[in-house]
Amino acid sequence: VIQFKGEWSQRCLFPQDKNFFYCNKMNQDTVNHEISILVKEMVKFADKQADGTYKTTFGKIFKDEVLEQTLESLVGTMKAARRAGVIQFKGEMLLQGAHDNVEVTLLKPDFGH
């Protein structure tokens, strides 16, 4: 069972259901919203580059209070943002402590606007 905005729905679990596309759209809207939150916060504290991108480290992103309190899964949101071409970083997954100094580049600072 998946919950969206306080409503419980089992429709999302069954691809043959005519409402499955709607459910997937809701999921993508949620992902895009979380990516836009990540982008908005990164623009606030990352260093702007001459080419219009922004650079920071995973440690700074991880320790950002707004991101910590707002995003359901920071690492999941970052992976989705990378798949969408919004950010880039080296490695498959970033872990706090071990990857605090890994550089993260925001490629699309206008995402979600």
PDB file of N, CA and C in Angstrom:
ATOM      1  N   VAL A   1       0.857  -1.184   0.000  1.00  0.00           N
ATOM      2  CA  VAL A   1       0.000   0.000   0.000  1.00  0.00           C
ATOM      3  C   VAL A   1       0.893   1.234   0.000  1.00  0.00           C
ATOM      4  N   ILE A   2       0.570   2.185  -0.837  1.00  0.00           N
ATOM      5  CA  ILE A   2       1.355   3.404  -0.971  1.00  0.00           C
ATOM      6  C   ILE A   2       0.499   4.584  -0.552  1.00  0.00           C
ATOM      7  N   GLN A   3       1.074   5.524   0.178  1.00  0.00           N
ATOM      8  CA  GLN A   3       0.327   6.696   0.619  1.00  0.00           C
ATOM      9  C   GLN A   3       0.776   7.924  -0.153  1.00  0.00           C
ATOM     10  N   PHE A   4      -0.186   8.677  -0.677  1.00  0.00           N
ATOM     11  CA  PHE A   4       0.070   9.947  -1.325  1.00  0.00           C
ATOM     12  C   PHE A   4      -0.819  11.003  -0.700  1.00  0.00           C
ATOM     13  N   LYS A   5      -0.214  12.029  -0.133  1.00  0.00           N
ATOM     14  CA  LYS A   5      -0.937  13.172   0.409  1.00  0.00           C
ATOM     15  C   LYS A   5      -2.104  12.748   1.294  1.00  0.00           C
ATOM     16  N   GLY A   6      -1.863  11.785   2.183  1.00  0.00           N
ATOM     17  CA  GLY A   6      -2.856  11.390   3.160  1.00  0.00           C
ATOM     18  C   GLY A   6      -3.885  10.387   2.678  1.00  0.00           C
ATOM     19  N   GLU A   7      -3.846  10.008   1.412  1.00  0.00           N
ATOM     20  CA  GLU A   7      -4.811   9.047   0.899  1.00  0.00           C
ATOM     21  C   GLU A   7      -4.112   7.730   0.615  1.00  0.00           C
ATOM     22  N   TRP A   8      -4.711   6.643   1.075  1.00  0.00           N
ATOM     23  CA  TRP A   8      -4.128   5.335   0.833  1.00  0.00           C
ATOM     24  C   TRP A   8      -4.636   4.797  -0.489  1.00  0.00           C
ATOM     25  N   SER A   9      -3.762   4.223  -1.266  1.00  0.00           N
ATOM     26  CA  SER A   9      -4.138   3.722  -2.576  1.00  0.00           C
ATOM     27  C   SER A   9      -3.447   2.393  -2.835  1.00  0.00           C
ATOM     28  N   GLN A  10      -4.224   1.417  -3.246  1.00  0.00           N
ATOM     29  CA  GLN A  10      -3.644   0.154  -3.686  1.00  0.00           C
ATOM     30  C   GLN A  10      -3.567   0.109  -5.198  1.00  0.00           C
ATOM     31  N   ARG A  11      -4.151   1.095  -5.884  1.00  0.00           N
ATOM     32  CA  ARG A  11      -4.146   1.123  -7.343  1.00  0.00           C
ATOM     33  C   ARG A  11      -2.726   1.069  -7.886  1.00  0.00           C
ATOM     34  N   CYS A  12      -1.803   1.671  -7.176  1.00  0.00           N
ATOM     35  CA  CYS A  12      -0.441   1.803  -7.675  1.00  0.00           C
ATOM     36  C   CYS A  12       0.286   0.466  -7.748  1.00  0.00           C
ATOM     37  N   LEU A  13      -0.237  -0.524  -7.082  1.00  0.00           N
ATOM     38  CA  LEU A  13       0.451  -1.805  -7.028  1.00  0.00           C
ATOM     39  C   LEU A  13       0.143  -2.708  -8.216  1.00  0.00           C
ATOM     40  N   PHE A  14      -0.847  -2.331  -9.032  1.00  0.00           N
ATOM     41  CA  PHE A  14      -1.308  -3.216 -10.090  1.00  0.00           C
ATOM     42  C   PHE A  14      -1.200  -2.548 -11.452  1.00  0.00           C
ATOM     43  N   PRO A  15      -0.201  -2.920 -12.274  1.00  0.00           N
ATOM     44  CA  PRO A  15      -0.006  -2.280 -13.579  1.00  0.00           C
ATOM     45  C   PRO A  15      -1.211  -2.413 -14.507  1.00  0.00           C
ATOM     46  N   GLN A  16      -2.019  -3.462 -14.366  1.00  0.00           N
ATOM     47  CA  GLN A  16      -3.161  -3.642 -15.258  1.00  0.00           C
ATOM     48  C   GLN A  16      -4.293  -2.663 -14.925  1.00  0.00           C
ATOM     49  N   ASP A  17      -4.216  -2.009 -13.782  1.00  0.00           N
ATOM     50  CA  ASP A  17      -5.233  -1.035 -13.386  1.00  0.00           C
ATOM     51  C   ASP A  17      -5.137   0.196 -14.279  1.00  0.00           C
ATOM     52  N   LYS A  18      -6.257   0.700 -14.725  1.00  0.00           N
ATOM     53  CA  LYS A  18      -6.266   1.874 -15.610  1.00  0.00           C
ATOM     54  C   LYS A  18      -5.685   3.107 -14.929  1.00  0.00           C
ATOM     55  N   ASN A  19      -5.588   3.123 -13.602  1.00  0.00           N
ATOM     56  CA  ASN A  19      -5.061   4.271 -12.876  1.00  0.00           C
ATOM     57  C   ASN A  19      -3.560   4.172 -12.632  1.00  0.00           C
ATOM     58  N   PHE A  20      -2.913   3.137 -13.152  1.00  0.00           N
ATOM     59  CA  PHE A  20      -1.487   2.944 -12.891  1.00  0.00           C
ATOM     60  C   PHE A  20      -0.655   4.093 -13.443  1.00  0.00           C
ATOM     61  N   PHE A  21      -0.969   4.573 -14.659  1.00  0.00           N
ATOM     62  CA  PHE A  21      -0.223   5.691 -15.228  1.00  0.00           C
ATOM     63  C   PHE A  21      -0.342   6.908 -14.317  1.00  0.00           C
ATOM     64  N   TYR A  22      -1.532   7.174 -13.831  1.00  0.00           N
ATOM     65  CA  TYR A  22      -1.743   8.310 -12.925  1.00  0.00           C
ATOM     66  C   TYR A  22      -0.866   8.169 -11.690  1.00  0.00           C
ATOM     67  N   CYS A  23      -0.793   6.964 -11.168  1.00  0.00           N
ATOM     68  CA  CYS A  23       0.021   6.726  -9.979  1.00  0.00           C
ATOM     69  C   CYS A  23       1.497   6.954 -10.290  1.00  0.00           C
ATOM     70  N   ASN A  24       1.962   6.473 -11.442  1.00  0.00           N
ATOM     71  CA  ASN A  24       3.353   6.706 -11.823  1.00  0.00           C
ATOM     72  C   ASN A  24       3.621   8.190 -11.995  1.00  0.00           C
ATOM     73  N   LYS A  25       2.661   8.920 -12.544  1.00  0.00           N
ATOM     74  CA  LYS A  25       2.806  10.369 -12.713  1.00  0.00           C
ATOM     75  C   LYS A  25       2.943  11.022 -11.349  1.00  0.00           C
ATOM     76  N   MET A  26       2.150  10.572 -10.378  1.00  0.00           N
ATOM     77  CA  MET A  26       2.258  11.125  -9.030  1.00  0.00           C
ATOM     78  C   MET A  26       3.642  10.865  -8.475  1.00  0.00           C
ATOM     79  N   ASN A  27       4.171   9.677  -8.698  1.00  0.00           N
ATOM     80  CA  ASN A  27       5.507   9.357  -8.216  1.00  0.00           C
ATOM     81  C   ASN A  27       6.543  10.274  -8.853  1.00  0.00           C
ATOM     82  N   GLN A  28       6.461  10.484 -10.166  1.00  0.00           N
ATOM     83  CA  GLN A  28       7.428  11.333 -10.855  1.00  0.00           C
ATOM     84  C   GLN A  28       7.297  12.776 -10.396  1.00  0.00           C
ATOM     85  N   ASP A  29       6.073  13.233 -10.157  1.00  0.00           N
ATOM     86  CA  ASP A  29       5.882  14.589  -9.638  1.00  0.00           C
ATOM     87  C   ASP A  29       6.542  14.741  -8.273  1.00  0.00           C
ATOM     88  N   THR A  30       6.421  13.729  -7.438  1.00  0.00           N
ATOM     89  CA  THR A  30       7.044  13.759  -6.113  1.00  0.00           C
ATOM     90  C   THR A  30       8.562  13.799  -6.239  1.00  0.00           C
ATOM     91  N   VAL A  31       9.107  12.982  -7.121  1.00  0.00           N
ATOM     92  CA  VAL A  31      10.558  12.958  -7.340  1.00  0.00           C
ATOM     93  C   VAL A  31      11.030  14.317  -7.845  1.00  0.00           C
ATOM     94  N   ASN A  32      10.335  14.874  -8.820  1.00  0.00           N
ATOM     95  CA  ASN A  32      10.719  16.181  -9.361  1.00  0.00           C
ATOM     96  C   ASN A  32      10.644  17.265  -8.289  1.00  0.00           C
ATOM     97  N   HIS A  33       9.645  17.189  -7.432  1.00  0.00           N
ATOM     98  CA  HIS A  33       9.524  18.164  -6.345  1.00  0.00           C
ATOM     99  C   HIS A  33      10.729  18.057  -5.403  1.00  0.00           C
ATOM    100  N   GLU A  34      11.103  16.837  -5.049  1.00  0.00           N
ATOM    101  CA  GLU A  34      12.245  16.655  -4.150  1.00  0.00           C
ATOM    102  C   GLU A  34      13.551  17.098  -4.813  1.00  0.00           C
ATOM    103  N   ILE A  35      13.697  16.839  -6.115  1.00  0.00           N
ATOM    104  CA  ILE A  35      14.888  17.314  -6.824  1.00  0.00           C
ATOM    105  C   ILE A  35      14.920  18.840  -6.808  1.00  0.00           C
ATOM    106  N   SER A  36      13.772  19.479  -6.997  1.00  0.00           N
ATOM    107  CA  SER A  36      13.746  20.948  -6.997  1.00  0.00           C
ATOM    108  C   SER A  36      14.119  21.510  -5.632  1.00  0.00           C
ATOM    109  N   ILE A  37      13.769  20.822  -4.559  1.00  0.00           N
ATOM    110  CA  ILE A  37      14.183  21.239  -3.209  1.00  0.00           C
ATOM    111  C   ILE A  37      15.704  21.130  -3.078  1.00  0.00           C
ATOM    112  N   LEU A  38      16.260  20.015  -3.544  1.00  0.00           N
ATOM    113  CA  LEU A  38      17.709  19.825  -3.518  1.00  0.00           C
ATOM    114  C   LEU A  38      18.411  20.947  -4.285  1.00  0.00           C
ATOM    115  N   VAL A  39      17.912  21.257  -5.473  1.00  0.00           N
ATOM    116  CA  VAL A  39      18.505  22.306  -6.307  1.00  0.00           C
ATOM    117  C   VAL A  39      18.447  23.655  -5.603  1.00  0.00           C
ATOM    118  N   LYS A  40      17.288  23.993  -5.081  1.00  0.00           N
ATOM    119  CA  LYS A  40      17.104  25.288  -4.405  1.00  0.00           C
ATOM    120  C   LYS A  40      18.083  25.453  -3.246  1.00  0.00           C
ATOM    121  N   GLU A  41      18.269  24.407  -2.466  1.00  0.00           N
ATOM    122  CA  GLU A  41      19.181  24.478  -1.329  1.00  0.00           C
ATOM    123  C   GLU A  41      20.636  24.527  -1.777  1.00  0.00           C
ATOM    124  N   MET A  42      20.989  23.739  -2.797  1.00  0.00           N
ATOM    125  CA  MET A  42      22.372  23.746  -3.267  1.00  0.00           C
ATOM    126  C   MET A  42      22.769  25.126  -3.782  1.00  0.00           C
ATOM    127  N   VAL A  43      21.856  25.808  -4.462  1.00  0.00           N
ATOM    128  CA  VAL A  43      22.154  27.149  -4.974  1.00  0.00           C
ATOM    129  C   VAL A  43      22.476  28.097  -3.817  1.00  0.00           C
ATOM    130  N   LYS A  44      21.866  27.871  -2.661  1.00  0.00           N
ATOM    131  CA  LYS A  44      22.085  28.741  -1.497  1.00  0.00           C
ATOM    132  C   LYS A  44      23.498  28.626  -0.937  1.00  0.00           C
ATOM    133  N   PHE A  45      24.055  27.397  -0.908  1.00  0.00           N
ATOM    134  CA  PHE A  45      25.338  27.237  -0.213  1.00  0.00           C
ATOM    135  C   PHE A  45      26.499  26.755  -1.073  1.00  0.00           C
ATOM    136  N   ALA A  46      26.222  26.334  -2.287  1.00  0.00           N
ATOM    137  CA  ALA A  46      27.305  25.851  -3.158  1.00  0.00           C
ATOM    138  C   ALA A  46      28.027  27.036  -3.807  1.00  0.00           C
ATOM    139  N   ASP A  47      29.222  26.773  -4.301  1.00  0.00           N
ATOM    140  CA  ASP A  47      30.030  27.810  -4.954  1.00  0.00           C
ATOM    141  C   ASP A  47      29.681  27.883  -6.431  1.00  0.00           C
ATOM    142  N   LYS A  48      29.252  29.073  -6.880  1.00  0.00           N
ATOM    143  CA  LYS A  48      28.908  29.255  -8.286  1.00  0.00           C
ATOM    144  C   LYS A  48      30.187  29.296  -9.117  1.00  0.00           C
ATOM    145  N   GLN A  49      30.163  28.588 -10.226  1.00  0.00           N
ATOM    146  CA  GLN A  49      31.299  28.513 -11.135  1.00  0.00           C
ATOM    147  C   GLN A  49      31.084  29.464 -12.316  1.00  0.00           C
ATOM    148  N   ALA A  50      32.149  29.760 -13.032  1.00  0.00           N
ATOM    149  CA  ALA A  50      32.088  30.676 -14.174  1.00  0.00           C
ATOM    150  C   ALA A  50      31.137  30.182 -15.266  1.00  0.00           C
ATOM    151  N   ASP A  51      30.979  28.857 -15.358  1.00  0.00           N
ATOM    152  CA  ASP A  51      30.117  28.289 -16.402  1.00  0.00           C
ATOM    153  C   ASP A  51      28.643  28.212 -15.998  1.00  0.00           C
ATOM    154  N   GLY A  52      28.306  28.719 -14.795  1.00  0.00           N
ATOM    155  CA  GLY A  52      26.921  28.726 -14.335  1.00  0.00           C
ATOM    156  C   GLY A  52      26.526  27.533 -13.486  1.00  0.00           C
ATOM    157  N   THR A  53      27.425  26.561 -13.362  1.00  0.00           N
ATOM    158  CA  THR A  53      27.148  25.416 -12.495  1.00  0.00           C
ATOM    159  C   THR A  53      27.516  25.793 -11.059  1.00  0.00           C
ATOM    160  N   TYR A  54      27.158  24.923 -10.126  1.00  0.00           N
ATOM    161  CA  TYR A  54      27.487  25.127  -8.714  1.00  0.00           C
ATOM    162  C   TYR A  54      28.191  23.883  -8.211  1.00  0.00           C
ATOM    163  N   LYS A  55      29.192  24.074  -7.336  1.00  0.00           N
ATOM    164  CA  LYS A  55      29.929  22.935  -6.780  1.00  0.00           C
ATOM    165  C   LYS A  55      29.936  23.003  -5.265  1.00  0.00           C
ATOM    166  N   THR A  56      29.798  21.836  -4.674  1.00  0.00           N
ATOM    167  CA  THR A  56      29.882  21.693  -3.223  1.00  0.00           C
ATOM    168  C   THR A  56      30.313  20.254  -2.939  1.00  0.00           C
ATOM    169  N   THR A  57      30.318  19.891  -1.686  1.00  0.00           N
ATOM    170  CA  THR A  57      30.671  18.516  -1.316  1.00  0.00           C
ATOM    171  C   THR A  57      29.450  17.795  -0.765  1.00  0.00           C
ATOM    172  N   PHE A  58      29.506  16.486  -0.809  1.00  0.00           N
ATOM    173  CA  PHE A  58      28.415  15.686  -0.258  1.00  0.00           C
ATOM    174  C   PHE A  58      28.243  15.972   1.229  1.00  0.00           C
ATOM    175  N   GLY A  59      29.338  16.191   1.931  1.00  0.00           N
ATOM    176  CA  GLY A  59      29.249  16.476   3.365  1.00  0.00           C
ATOM    177  C   GLY A  59      28.418  17.713   3.655  1.00  0.00           C
ATOM    178  N   LYS A  60      28.582  18.771   2.858  1.00  0.00           N
ATOM    179  CA  LYS A  60      27.790  19.988   3.051  1.00  0.00           C
ATOM    180  C   LYS A  60      26.326  19.749   2.727  1.00  0.00           C
ATOM    181  N   ILE A  61      26.073  18.981   1.682  1.00  0.00           N
ATOM    182  CA  ILE A  61      24.693  18.657   1.329  1.00  0.00           C
ATOM    183  C   ILE A  61      24.057  17.841   2.442  1.00  0.00           C
ATOM    184  N   PHE A  62      24.785  16.832   2.923  1.00  0.00           N
ATOM    185  CA  PHE A  62      24.249  15.934   3.947  1.00  0.00           C
ATOM    186  C   PHE A  62      23.929  16.685   5.236  1.00  0.00           C
ATOM    187  N   LYS A  63      24.731  17.686   5.557  1.00  0.00           N
ATOM    188  CA  LYS A  63      24.552  18.413   6.821  1.00  0.00           C
ATOM    189  C   LYS A  63      23.573  19.582   6.718  1.00  0.00           C
ATOM    190  N   ASP A  64      23.045  19.844   5.524  1.00  0.00           N
ATOM    191  CA  ASP A  64      22.088  20.941   5.358  1.00  0.00           C
ATOM    192  C   ASP A  64      20.796  20.610   6.106  1.00  0.00           C
ATOM    193  N   GLU A  65      20.426  21.480   7.023  1.00  0.00           N
ATOM    194  CA  GLU A  65      19.269  21.235   7.894  1.00  0.00           C
ATOM    195  C   GLU A  65      17.957  21.161   7.117  1.00  0.00           C
ATOM    196  N   VAL A  66      17.789  22.013   6.127  1.00  0.00           N
ATOM    197  CA  VAL A  66      16.551  22.002   5.346  1.00  0.00           C
ATOM    198  C   VAL A  66      16.406  20.684   4.590  1.00  0.00           C
ATOM    199  N   LEU A  67      17.468  20.249   3.941  1.00  0.00           N
ATOM    200  CA  LEU A  67      17.419  18.989   3.207  1.00  0.00           C
ATOM    201  C   LEU A  67      17.185  17.818   4.143  1.00  0.00           C
ATOM    202  N   GLU A  68      17.836  17.853   5.273  1.00  0.00           N
ATOM    203  CA  GLU A  68      17.683  16.777   6.258  1.00  0.00           C
ATOM    204  C   GLU A  68      16.236  16.646   6.722  1.00  0.00           C
ATOM    205  N   GLN A  69      15.580  17.766   6.915  1.00  0.00           N
ATOM    206  CA  GLN A  69      14.218  17.751   7.448  1.00  0.00           C
ATOM    207  C   GLN A  69      13.137  17.638   6.377  1.00  0.00           C
ATOM    208  N   THR A  70      13.497  17.893   5.116  1.00  0.00           N
ATOM    209  CA  THR A  70      12.493  17.941   4.057  1.00  0.00           C
ATOM    210  C   THR A  70      12.462  16.700   3.184  1.00  0.00           C
ATOM    211  N   LEU A  71      13.619  16.212   2.778  1.00  0.00           N
ATOM    212  CA  LEU A  71      13.669  15.101   1.841  1.00  0.00           C
ATOM    213  C   LEU A  71      13.472  13.775   2.550  1.00  0.00           C
ATOM    214  N   GLU A  72      12.693  12.923   1.922  1.00  0.00           N
ATOM    215  CA  GLU A  72      12.467  11.599   2.498  1.00  0.00           C
ATOM    216  C   GLU A  72      13.728  10.752   2.429  1.00  0.00           C
ATOM    217  N   SER A  73      14.462  10.866   1.312  1.00  0.00           N
ATOM    218  CA  SER A  73      15.709  10.122   1.144  1.00  0.00           C
ATOM    219  C   SER A  73      16.689  10.989   0.366  1.00  0.00           C
ATOM    220  N   LEU A  74      17.653  11.560   1.044  1.00  0.00           N
ATOM    221  CA  LEU A  74      18.628  12.424   0.383  1.00  0.00           C
ATOM    222  C   LEU A  74      19.380  11.664  -0.699  1.00  0.00           C
ATOM    223  N   VAL A  75      19.892  10.500  -0.388  1.00  0.00           N
ATOM    224  CA  VAL A  75      20.673   9.732  -1.360  1.00  0.00           C
ATOM    225  C   VAL A  75      19.797   9.322  -2.538  1.00  0.00           C
ATOM    226  N   GLY A  76      18.562   8.918  -2.267  1.00  0.00           N
ATOM    227  CA  GLY A  76      17.633   8.558  -3.342  1.00  0.00           C
ATOM    228  C   GLY A  76      17.333   9.744  -4.243  1.00  0.00           C
ATOM    229  N   THR A  77      17.130  10.909  -3.640  1.00  0.00           N
ATOM    230  CA  THR A  77      16.869  12.123  -4.411  1.00  0.00           C
ATOM    231  C   THR A  77      18.086  12.488  -5.253  1.00  0.00           C
ATOM    232  N   MET A  78      19.270  12.343  -4.683  1.00  0.00           N
ATOM    233  CA  MET A  78      20.487  12.652  -5.432  1.00  0.00           C
ATOM    234  C   MET A  78      20.676  11.690  -6.604  1.00  0.00           C
ATOM    235  N   LYS A  79      20.371  10.431  -6.417  1.00  0.00           N
ATOM    236  CA  LYS A  79      20.485   9.470  -7.511  1.00  0.00           C
ATOM    237  C   LYS A  79      19.490   9.804  -8.619  1.00  0.00           C
ATOM    238  N   ALA A  80      18.271  10.183  -8.241  1.00  0.00           N
ATOM    239  CA  ALA A  80      17.261  10.571  -9.231  1.00  0.00           C
ATOM    240  C   ALA A  80      17.688  11.841  -9.962  1.00  0.00           C
ATOM    241  N   ALA A  81      18.264  12.790  -9.223  1.00  0.00           N
ATOM    242  CA  ALA A  81      18.742  14.034  -9.833  1.00  0.00           C
ATOM    243  C   ALA A  81      19.874  13.753 -10.816  1.00  0.00           C
ATOM    244  N   ARG A  82      20.722  12.803 -10.488  1.00  0.00           N
ATOM    245  CA  ARG A  82      21.809  12.445 -11.407  1.00  0.00           C
ATOM    246  C   ARG A  82      21.245  11.787 -12.662  1.00  0.00           C
ATOM    247  N   ARG A  83      20.273  10.895 -12.502  1.00  0.00           N
ATOM    248  CA  ARG A  83      19.649  10.253 -13.671  1.00  0.00           C
ATOM    249  C   ARG A  83      18.988  11.294 -14.584  1.00  0.00           C
ATOM    250  N   ALA A  84      18.465  12.363 -13.975  1.00  0.00           N
ATOM    251  CA  ALA A  84      17.798  13.431 -14.737  1.00  0.00           C
ATOM    252  C   ALA A  84      18.797  14.436 -15.310  1.00  0.00           C
ATOM    253  N   GLY A  85      20.085  14.262 -15.027  1.00  0.00           N
ATOM    254  CA  GLY A  85      21.105  15.163 -15.536  1.00  0.00           C
ATOM    255  C   GLY A  85      21.167  16.491 -14.803  1.00  0.00           C
ATOM    256  N   VAL A  86      20.625  16.540 -13.593  1.00  0.00           N
ATOM    257  CA  VAL A  86      20.586  17.774 -12.806  1.00  0.00           C
ATOM    258  C   VAL A  86      21.877  17.954 -12.011  1.00  0.00           C
ATOM    259  N   ILE A  87      22.420  16.873 -11.479  1.00  0.00           N
ATOM    260  CA  ILE A  87      23.675  16.918 -10.735  1.00  0.00           C
ATOM    261  C   ILE A  87      24.603  15.835 -11.260  1.00  0.00           C
ATOM    262  N   GLN A  88      25.869  15.934 -10.876  1.00  0.00           N
ATOM    263  CA  GLN A  88      26.805  14.850 -11.173  1.00  0.00           C
ATOM    264  C   GLN A  88      27.755  14.684  -9.997  1.00  0.00           C
ATOM    265  N   PHE A  89      28.140  13.451  -9.776  1.00  0.00           N
ATOM    266  CA  PHE A  89      29.125  13.113  -8.753  1.00  0.00           C
ATOM    267  C   PHE A  89      29.724  11.770  -9.120  1.00  0.00           C
ATOM    268  N   LYS A  90      30.912  11.497  -8.590  1.00  0.00           N
ATOM    269  CA  LYS A  90      31.586  10.234  -8.872  1.00  0.00           C
ATOM    270  C   LYS A  90      31.101   9.165  -7.906  1.00  0.00           C
ATOM    271  N   GLY A  91      31.048   7.946  -8.404  1.00  0.00           N
ATOM    272  CA  GLY A  91      30.633   6.823  -7.582  1.00  0.00           C
ATOM    273  C   GLY A  91      29.161   6.507  -7.782  1.00  0.00           C
ATOM    274  N   GLU A  92      28.773   5.360  -7.273  1.00  0.00           N
ATOM    275  CA  GLU A  92      27.379   4.931  -7.397  1.00  0.00           C
ATOM    276  C   GLU A  92      26.514   5.454  -6.260  1.00  0.00           C
ATOM    277  N   MET A  93      27.045   5.403  -5.047  1.00  0.00           N
ATOM    278  CA  MET A  93      26.279   5.812  -3.873  1.00  0.00           C
ATOM    279  C   MET A  93      27.206   6.568  -2.937  1.00  0.00           C
ATOM    280  N   LEU A  94      26.670   7.604  -2.325  1.00  0.00           N
ATOM    281  CA  LEU A  94      27.455   8.397  -1.384  1.00  0.00           C
ATOM    282  C   LEU A  94      26.999   8.092   0.039  1.00  0.00           C
ATOM    283  N   LEU A  95      27.969   7.871   0.917  1.00  0.00           N
ATOM    284  CA  LEU A  95      27.679   7.571   2.317  1.00  0.00           C
ATOM    285  C   LEU A  95      28.301   8.637   3.205  1.00  0.00           C
ATOM    286  N   GLN A  96      27.549   9.042   4.222  1.00  0.00           N
ATOM    287  CA  GLN A  96      28.054  10.050   5.146  1.00  0.00           C
ATOM    288  C   GLN A  96      29.325   9.547   5.807  1.00  0.00           C
ATOM    289  N   GLY A  97      30.276  10.441   5.964  1.00  0.00           N
ATOM    290  CA  GLY A  97      31.560  10.092   6.557  1.00  0.00           C
ATOM    291  C   GLY A  97      32.548   9.664   5.498  1.00  0.00           C
ATOM    292  N   ALA A  98      32.274   8.555   4.859  1.00  0.00           N
ATOM    293  CA  ALA A  98      33.191   8.007   3.856  1.00  0.00           C
ATOM    294  C   ALA A  98      33.301   8.889   2.614  1.00  0.00           C
ATOM    295  N   HIS A  99      32.245   9.584   2.263  1.00  0.00           N
ATOM    296  CA  HIS A  99      32.228  10.360   1.022  1.00  0.00           C
ATOM    297  C   HIS A  99      31.956  11.847   1.245  1.00  0.00           C
ATOM    298  N   ASP A 100      32.217  12.338   2.427  1.00  0.00           N
ATOM    299  CA  ASP A 100      31.939  13.745   2.738  1.00  0.00           C
ATOM    300  C   ASP A 100      32.667  14.721   1.817  1.00  0.00           C
ATOM    301  N   ASN A 101      33.841  14.346   1.304  1.00  0.00           N
ATOM    302  CA  ASN A 101      34.625  15.255   0.465  1.00  0.00           C
ATOM    303  C   ASN A 101      34.394  15.058  -1.032  1.00  0.00           C
ATOM    304  N   VAL A 102      33.470  14.196  -1.405  1.00  0.00           N
ATOM    305  CA  VAL A 102      33.180  13.981  -2.825  1.00  0.00           C
ATOM    306  C   VAL A 102      32.482  15.224  -3.374  1.00  0.00           C
ATOM    307  N   GLU A 103      33.002  15.715  -4.495  1.00  0.00           N
ATOM    308  CA  GLU A 103      32.444  16.910  -5.116  1.00  0.00           C
ATOM    309  C   GLU A 103      31.132  16.582  -5.835  1.00  0.00           C
ATOM    310  N   VAL A 104      30.145  17.441  -5.623  1.00  0.00           N
ATOM    311  CA  VAL A 104      28.847  17.319  -6.289  1.00  0.00           C
ATOM    312  C   VAL A 104      28.652  18.594  -7.100  1.00  0.00           C
ATOM    313  N   THR A 105      28.343  18.429  -8.378  1.00  0.00           N
ATOM    314  CA  THR A 105      28.146  19.571  -9.272  1.00  0.00           C
ATOM    315  C   THR A 105      26.687  19.682  -9.657  1.00  0.00           C
ATOM    316  N   LEU A 106      26.127  20.862  -9.447  1.00  0.00           N
ATOM    317  CA  LEU A 106      24.758  21.155  -9.870  1.00  0.00           C
ATOM    318  C   LEU A 106      24.837  21.685 -11.288  1.00  0.00           C
ATOM    319  N   LEU A 107      24.310  20.888 -12.229  1.00  0.00           N
ATOM    320  CA  LEU A 107      24.406  21.229 -13.641  1.00  0.00           C
ATOM    321  C   LEU A 107      23.246  22.082 -14.133  1.00  0.00           C
ATOM    322  N   LYS A 108      22.082  21.926 -13.487  1.00  0.00           N
ATOM    323  CA  LYS A 108      20.873  22.637 -13.912  1.00  0.00           C
ATOM    324  C   LYS A 108      20.290  23.423 -12.737  1.00  0.00           C
ATOM    325  N   PRO A 109      20.871  24.570 -12.429  1.00  0.00           N
ATOM    326  CA  PRO A 109      20.386  25.342 -11.281  1.00  0.00           C
ATOM    327  C   PRO A 109      18.989  25.913 -11.458  1.00  0.00           C
ATOM    328  N   ASP A 110      18.449  25.863 -12.675  1.00  0.00           N
ATOM    329  CA  ASP A 110      17.098  26.364 -12.909  1.00  0.00           C
ATOM    330  C   ASP A 110      16.062  25.249 -12.930  1.00  0.00           C
ATOM    331  N   PHE A 111      16.438  24.035 -12.553  1.00  0.00           N
ATOM    332  CA  PHE A 111      15.508  22.917 -12.544  1.00  0.00           C
ATOM    333  C   PHE A 111      14.330  23.213 -11.615  1.00  0.00           C
ATOM    334  N   GLY A 112      13.130  22.988 -12.108  1.00  0.00           N
ATOM    335  CA  GLY A 112      11.935  23.170 -11.286  1.00  0.00           C
ATOM    336  C   GLY A 112      11.390  24.582 -11.278  1.00  0.00           C
ATOM    337  N   HIS A 113      12.011  25.504 -11.986  1.00  0.00           N
ATOM    338  CA  HIS A 113      11.506  26.878 -12.009  1.00  0.00           C
ATOM    339  C   HIS A 113      10.650  27.111 -13.214  1.00  0.00           C
TER     340      HIS A 113
END
